[in-house]
Amino acid sequence: QVQFVESGGGSVEPGGSLRLSCTASGLDFRISTIKWYRQAPGKEREFVARIDGTGRRRDYADPVKGRFTMSRDNAKKTLSLQMNNLKPEDTGVYYCKADGYATWGQGTQVTVDS
């Protein structure tokens, strides 16, 4: 059974930083492309970032380029999303998900507000 557990969310002021983590189980982690998504209140879930199985290819949505960095540790089956210079529009619930699997985690809440 595929599972994702996201953590690391919280409340910060604009310009602050957070580091989100995602732990995966039940899949061949090393070959899986993993994505981060987020969902703001009243809006649809949107793509944030993705990383391939090797960790060498990473892509980001335009609103987060230059501020967010995604990484992975295949030995620990974990992913991270380092978020710097956070803005109020980054507020939402953040989820990780693997390509080819329908499973979503419970998400972790990020709130950016002064």
N, C-alpha and C. Protein backbone atom coordinates (compact mmCIF):
# COMPACT_ATOMS: atom_id res chain seq x y z
N GLN A 1 0.84 -1.18 0.00
CA GLN A 1 0.00 0.00 0.00
C GLN A 1 0.89 1.24 0.00
N VAL A 2 0.66 2.10 -0.99
CA VAL A 2 1.46 3.32 -1.11
C VAL A 2 0.98 4.34 -0.09
N GLN A 3 1.93 4.95 0.60
CA GLN A 3 1.59 5.99 1.56
C GLN A 3 2.59 7.14 1.48
N PHE A 4 2.09 8.34 1.71
CA PHE A 4 2.93 9.52 1.82
C PHE A 4 2.56 10.24 3.11
N VAL A 5 3.59 10.68 3.82
CA VAL A 5 3.36 11.45 5.04
C VAL A 5 4.14 12.74 4.93
N GLU A 6 3.41 13.85 4.86
CA GLU A 6 4.04 15.16 4.75
C GLU A 6 4.13 15.80 6.14
N SER A 7 5.18 16.61 6.34
CA SER A 7 5.36 17.29 7.61
C SER A 7 6.18 18.55 7.39
N GLY A 8 6.28 19.38 8.43
CA GLY A 8 7.13 20.55 8.36
C GLY A 8 6.41 21.86 8.13
N GLY A 9 5.11 21.80 7.93
CA GLY A 9 4.37 23.03 7.71
C GLY A 9 4.30 23.88 8.97
N GLY A 10 3.78 25.09 8.82
CA GLY A 10 3.64 25.99 9.95
C GLY A 10 3.22 27.37 9.49
N SER A 11 3.32 28.31 10.41
CA SER A 11 2.97 29.70 10.12
C SER A 11 4.23 30.55 10.17
N VAL A 12 4.43 31.34 9.13
CA VAL A 12 5.59 32.23 9.07
C VAL A 12 5.17 33.57 8.52
N GLU A 13 6.00 34.55 8.73
CA GLU A 13 5.77 35.87 8.16
C GLU A 13 6.32 35.91 6.74
N PRO A 14 5.82 36.82 5.92
CA PRO A 14 6.38 36.98 4.58
C PRO A 14 7.89 37.17 4.64
N GLY A 15 8.59 36.51 3.73
CA GLY A 15 10.04 36.54 3.72
C GLY A 15 10.68 35.42 4.51
N GLY A 16 9.89 34.69 5.26
CA GLY A 16 10.41 33.59 6.06
C GLY A 16 10.64 32.33 5.25
N SER A 17 11.09 31.30 5.95
CA SER A 17 11.43 30.02 5.31
C SER A 17 10.79 28.86 6.06
N LEU A 18 10.52 27.81 5.33
CA LEU A 18 10.07 26.53 5.89
C LEU A 18 10.70 25.41 5.08
N ARG A 19 10.86 24.28 5.72
CA ARG A 19 11.34 23.09 5.01
C ARG A 19 10.34 21.97 5.23
N LEU A 20 9.71 21.56 4.16
CA LEU A 20 8.74 20.48 4.22
C LEU A 20 9.43 19.15 3.94
N SER A 21 8.90 18.10 4.54
CA SER A 21 9.40 16.75 4.32
C SER A 21 8.26 15.84 3.90
N CYS A 22 8.61 14.82 3.14
CA CYS A 22 7.64 13.82 2.71
C CYS A 22 8.32 12.45 2.81
N THR A 23 7.70 11.56 3.54
CA THR A 23 8.21 10.19 3.66
C THR A 23 7.28 9.27 2.88
N ALA A 24 7.86 8.44 2.01
CA ALA A 24 7.07 7.56 1.17
C ALA A 24 7.31 6.10 1.53
N SER A 25 6.29 5.28 1.32
CA SER A 25 6.43 3.84 1.53
C SER A 25 5.51 3.11 0.56
N GLY A 26 5.83 1.85 0.31
CA GLY A 26 4.97 1.02 -0.52
C GLY A 26 5.18 1.15 -2.01
N LEU A 27 6.27 1.83 -2.43
CA LEU A 27 6.54 1.96 -3.86
C LEU A 27 8.05 1.84 -4.07
N ASP A 28 8.43 1.62 -5.35
CA ASP A 28 9.85 1.58 -5.67
C ASP A 28 10.33 3.02 -5.74
N PHE A 29 10.78 3.51 -4.60
CA PHE A 29 11.03 4.94 -4.44
C PHE A 29 12.11 5.43 -5.40
N ARG A 30 13.14 4.62 -5.60
CA ARG A 30 14.30 5.09 -6.35
C ARG A 30 14.00 5.41 -7.81
N ILE A 31 12.96 4.81 -8.37
CA ILE A 31 12.66 5.06 -9.78
C ILE A 31 11.46 5.97 -9.96
N SER A 32 10.92 6.46 -8.85
CA SER A 32 9.68 7.22 -8.93
C SER A 32 9.93 8.71 -9.04
N THR A 33 9.29 9.35 -10.01
CA THR A 33 9.24 10.80 -10.06
C THR A 33 8.20 11.25 -9.04
N ILE A 34 8.60 12.15 -8.16
CA ILE A 34 7.73 12.63 -7.09
C ILE A 34 7.45 14.11 -7.31
N LYS A 35 6.23 14.51 -7.04
CA LYS A 35 5.84 15.90 -7.21
C LYS A 35 5.29 16.47 -5.89
N TRP A 36 5.48 17.75 -5.71
CA TRP A 36 4.80 18.50 -4.67
C TRP A 36 3.67 19.29 -5.33
N TYR A 37 2.53 19.29 -4.67
CA TYR A 37 1.39 20.09 -5.08
C TYR A 37 0.96 20.94 -3.88
N ARG A 38 0.15 21.94 -4.14
CA ARG A 38 -0.43 22.72 -3.05
C ARG A 38 -1.86 23.12 -3.42
N GLN A 39 -2.63 23.34 -2.38
CA GLN A 39 -4.01 23.76 -2.59
C GLN A 39 -4.33 24.89 -1.63
N ALA A 40 -4.61 26.05 -2.20
CA ALA A 40 -4.99 27.22 -1.40
C ALA A 40 -6.49 27.17 -1.15
N PRO A 41 -6.95 27.84 -0.11
CA PRO A 41 -8.40 27.85 0.20
C PRO A 41 -9.20 28.34 -1.00
N GLY A 42 -10.21 27.57 -1.38
CA GLY A 42 -11.09 27.97 -2.46
C GLY A 42 -10.51 27.81 -3.85
N LYS A 43 -9.32 27.21 -3.95
CA LYS A 43 -8.69 27.04 -5.25
C LYS A 43 -8.40 25.57 -5.53
N GLU A 44 -8.14 25.27 -6.79
CA GLU A 44 -7.80 23.90 -7.16
C GLU A 44 -6.35 23.59 -6.76
N ARG A 45 -6.09 22.31 -6.61
CA ARG A 45 -4.74 21.86 -6.32
C ARG A 45 -3.84 22.17 -7.52
N GLU A 46 -2.62 22.65 -7.25
CA GLU A 46 -1.73 23.03 -8.33
C GLU A 46 -0.34 22.43 -8.13
N PHE A 47 0.32 22.22 -9.25
CA PHE A 47 1.67 21.69 -9.25
C PHE A 47 2.65 22.72 -8.70
N VAL A 48 3.61 22.25 -7.91
CA VAL A 48 4.63 23.13 -7.36
C VAL A 48 6.02 22.75 -7.87
N ALA A 49 6.38 21.47 -7.74
CA ALA A 49 7.74 21.05 -8.12
C ALA A 49 7.75 19.55 -8.33
N ARG A 50 8.75 19.07 -9.07
CA ARG A 50 8.91 17.63 -9.23
C ARG A 50 10.40 17.30 -9.33
N ILE A 51 10.70 16.04 -9.02
CA ILE A 51 12.08 15.56 -9.08
C ILE A 51 12.05 14.13 -9.59
N ASP A 52 13.00 13.80 -10.48
CA ASP A 52 13.02 12.43 -11.01
C ASP A 52 13.69 11.50 -10.02
N GLY A 53 13.72 10.22 -10.36
CA GLY A 53 14.23 9.22 -9.44
C GLY A 53 15.69 9.41 -9.07
N THR A 54 16.47 9.95 -10.00
CA THR A 54 17.90 10.14 -9.73
C THR A 54 18.16 11.39 -8.91
N GLY A 55 17.21 12.31 -8.91
CA GLY A 55 17.43 13.59 -8.26
C GLY A 55 18.12 14.61 -9.13
N ARG A 56 18.49 14.20 -10.35
CA ARG A 56 19.24 15.13 -11.21
C ARG A 56 18.33 16.10 -11.96
N ARG A 57 17.10 15.70 -12.21
CA ARG A 57 16.19 16.60 -12.95
C ARG A 57 15.11 17.11 -12.00
N ARG A 58 15.02 18.40 -11.93
CA ARG A 58 14.01 19.04 -11.10
C ARG A 58 13.33 20.15 -11.90
N ASP A 59 12.04 20.27 -11.74
CA ASP A 59 11.26 21.30 -12.42
C ASP A 59 10.38 22.01 -11.40
N TYR A 60 10.16 23.29 -11.64
CA TYR A 60 9.39 24.10 -10.70
C TYR A 60 8.33 24.91 -11.44
N ALA A 61 7.22 25.14 -10.75
CA ALA A 61 6.22 26.05 -11.28
C ALA A 61 6.79 27.46 -11.26
N ASP A 62 6.39 28.27 -12.22
CA ASP A 62 6.94 29.62 -12.34
C ASP A 62 6.84 30.43 -11.05
N PRO A 63 5.71 30.38 -10.31
CA PRO A 63 5.60 31.23 -9.11
C PRO A 63 6.63 30.92 -8.01
N VAL A 64 7.24 29.73 -8.05
CA VAL A 64 8.16 29.36 -6.97
C VAL A 64 9.60 29.26 -7.43
N LYS A 65 9.85 29.42 -8.72
CA LYS A 65 11.23 29.32 -9.22
C LYS A 65 12.14 30.32 -8.53
N GLY A 66 13.31 29.84 -8.15
CA GLY A 66 14.28 30.70 -7.48
C GLY A 66 14.06 30.82 -5.99
N ARG A 67 12.93 30.34 -5.49
CA ARG A 67 12.64 30.42 -4.05
C ARG A 67 12.53 29.05 -3.41
N PHE A 68 12.04 28.07 -4.14
CA PHE A 68 11.84 26.71 -3.62
C PHE A 68 12.89 25.76 -4.22
N THR A 69 13.34 24.82 -3.42
CA THR A 69 14.27 23.80 -3.88
C THR A 69 13.81 22.44 -3.39
N MET A 70 13.64 21.52 -4.34
CA MET A 70 13.22 20.16 -4.00
C MET A 70 14.42 19.23 -4.03
N SER A 71 14.48 18.31 -3.07
CA SER A 71 15.57 17.34 -3.03
C SER A 71 15.02 16.01 -2.53
N ARG A 72 15.84 14.98 -2.66
CA ARG A 72 15.40 13.65 -2.21
C ARG A 72 16.58 12.88 -1.65
N ASP A 73 16.26 11.93 -0.76
CA ASP A 73 17.24 11.02 -0.20
C ASP A 73 16.68 9.62 -0.45
N ASN A 74 17.19 8.96 -1.48
CA ASN A 74 16.64 7.65 -1.84
C ASN A 74 16.90 6.59 -0.78
N ALA A 75 17.97 6.73 -0.03
CA ALA A 75 18.26 5.75 1.02
C ALA A 75 17.22 5.82 2.13
N LYS A 76 16.74 7.03 2.41
CA LYS A 76 15.77 7.21 3.49
C LYS A 76 14.34 7.27 2.98
N LYS A 77 14.18 7.26 1.64
CA LYS A 77 12.85 7.37 1.01
C LYS A 77 12.13 8.63 1.47
N THR A 78 12.87 9.72 1.45
CA THR A 78 12.27 10.99 1.86
C THR A 78 12.53 12.06 0.81
N LEU A 79 11.66 13.04 0.81
CA LEU A 79 11.82 14.21 -0.05
C LEU A 79 11.73 15.45 0.81
N SER A 80 12.33 16.51 0.32
CA SER A 80 12.26 17.79 1.02
C SER A 80 11.88 18.88 0.05
N LEU A 81 11.26 19.89 0.58
CA LEU A 81 10.97 21.09 -0.19
C LEU A 81 11.39 22.27 0.67
N GLN A 82 12.53 22.87 0.33
CA GLN A 82 13.02 24.05 1.02
C GLN A 82 12.35 25.26 0.41
N MET A 83 11.64 26.02 1.23
CA MET A 83 10.89 27.17 0.73
C MET A 83 11.44 28.43 1.39
N ASN A 84 11.99 29.31 0.58
CA ASN A 84 12.56 30.56 1.08
C ASN A 84 11.77 31.74 0.53
N ASN A 85 11.96 32.87 1.18
CA ASN A 85 11.28 34.10 0.77
C ASN A 85 9.79 33.86 0.54
N LEU A 86 9.16 33.27 1.51
CA LEU A 86 7.75 32.91 1.37
C LEU A 86 6.87 34.14 1.25
N LYS A 87 5.80 33.97 0.47
CA LYS A 87 4.85 35.04 0.22
C LYS A 87 3.46 34.60 0.66
N PRO A 88 2.57 35.54 0.93
CA PRO A 88 1.21 35.15 1.34
C PRO A 88 0.53 34.22 0.33
N GLU A 89 0.84 34.38 -0.94
CA GLU A 89 0.21 33.52 -1.95
C GLU A 89 0.75 32.09 -1.93
N ASP A 90 1.76 31.82 -1.11
CA ASP A 90 2.24 30.45 -0.94
C ASP A 90 1.41 29.68 0.09
N THR A 91 0.50 30.35 0.74
CA THR A 91 -0.36 29.71 1.74
C THR A 91 -1.18 28.60 1.12
N GLY A 92 -1.25 27.47 1.82
CA GLY A 92 -2.05 26.36 1.34
C GLY A 92 -1.64 25.07 2.02
N VAL A 93 -2.29 24.00 1.62
CA VAL A 93 -1.92 22.67 2.08
C VAL A 93 -1.02 22.05 1.02
N TYR A 94 0.13 21.56 1.44
CA TYR A 94 1.13 21.01 0.53
C TYR A 94 1.11 19.49 0.60
N TYR A 95 1.13 18.86 -0.57
CA TYR A 95 1.05 17.41 -0.70
C TYR A 95 2.20 16.90 -1.57
N CYS A 96 2.63 15.67 -1.32
CA CYS A 96 3.53 15.02 -2.26
C CYS A 96 2.81 13.81 -2.87
N LYS A 97 3.24 13.48 -4.06
CA LYS A 97 2.58 12.39 -4.81
C LYS A 97 3.55 11.85 -5.85
N ALA A 98 3.48 10.55 -6.09
CA ALA A 98 4.34 9.92 -7.09
C ALA A 98 3.60 9.74 -8.39
N ASP A 99 4.30 9.96 -9.50
CA ASP A 99 3.70 9.67 -10.81
C ASP A 99 3.33 8.20 -10.89
N GLY A 100 2.15 7.94 -11.45
CA GLY A 100 1.71 6.57 -11.64
C GLY A 100 0.93 6.00 -10.48
N TYR A 101 0.79 6.76 -9.42
CA TYR A 101 0.04 6.32 -8.25
C TYR A 101 -1.05 7.35 -7.93
N ALA A 102 -2.22 6.86 -7.53
CA ALA A 102 -3.34 7.75 -7.24
C ALA A 102 -3.35 8.24 -5.79
N THR A 103 -2.46 7.71 -4.97
CA THR A 103 -2.49 8.00 -3.54
C THR A 103 -1.98 9.40 -3.22
N TRP A 104 -2.71 10.09 -2.33
CA TRP A 104 -2.29 11.37 -1.77
C TRP A 104 -2.07 11.22 -0.28
N GLY A 105 -1.14 12.00 0.26
CA GLY A 105 -0.98 12.05 1.70
C GLY A 105 -2.02 12.97 2.32
N GLN A 106 -1.88 13.21 3.62
CA GLN A 106 -2.83 14.08 4.31
C GLN A 106 -2.48 15.55 4.13
N GLY A 107 -1.27 15.82 3.68
CA GLY A 107 -0.84 17.19 3.46
C GLY A 107 -0.34 17.86 4.73
N THR A 108 0.34 19.00 4.53
CA THR A 108 0.83 19.79 5.65
C THR A 108 0.51 21.26 5.36
N GLN A 109 0.00 21.95 6.35
CA GLN A 109 -0.49 23.32 6.17
C GLN A 109 0.65 24.32 6.26
N VAL A 110 0.71 25.21 5.28
CA VAL A 110 1.65 26.33 5.27
C VAL A 110 0.84 27.62 5.26
N THR A 111 1.13 28.48 6.21
CA THR A 111 0.44 29.77 6.29
C THR A 111 1.48 30.88 6.32
N VAL A 112 1.37 31.81 5.38
CA VAL A 112 2.29 32.94 5.32
C VAL A 112 1.46 34.20 5.52
N ASP A 113 1.70 34.84 6.66
CA ASP A 113 0.85 35.98 7.02
C ASP A 113 1.58 36.85 8.02
N SER A 114 1.43 38.14 7.86
CA SER A 114 2.04 39.04 8.82
C SER A 114 1.10 39.32 9.99
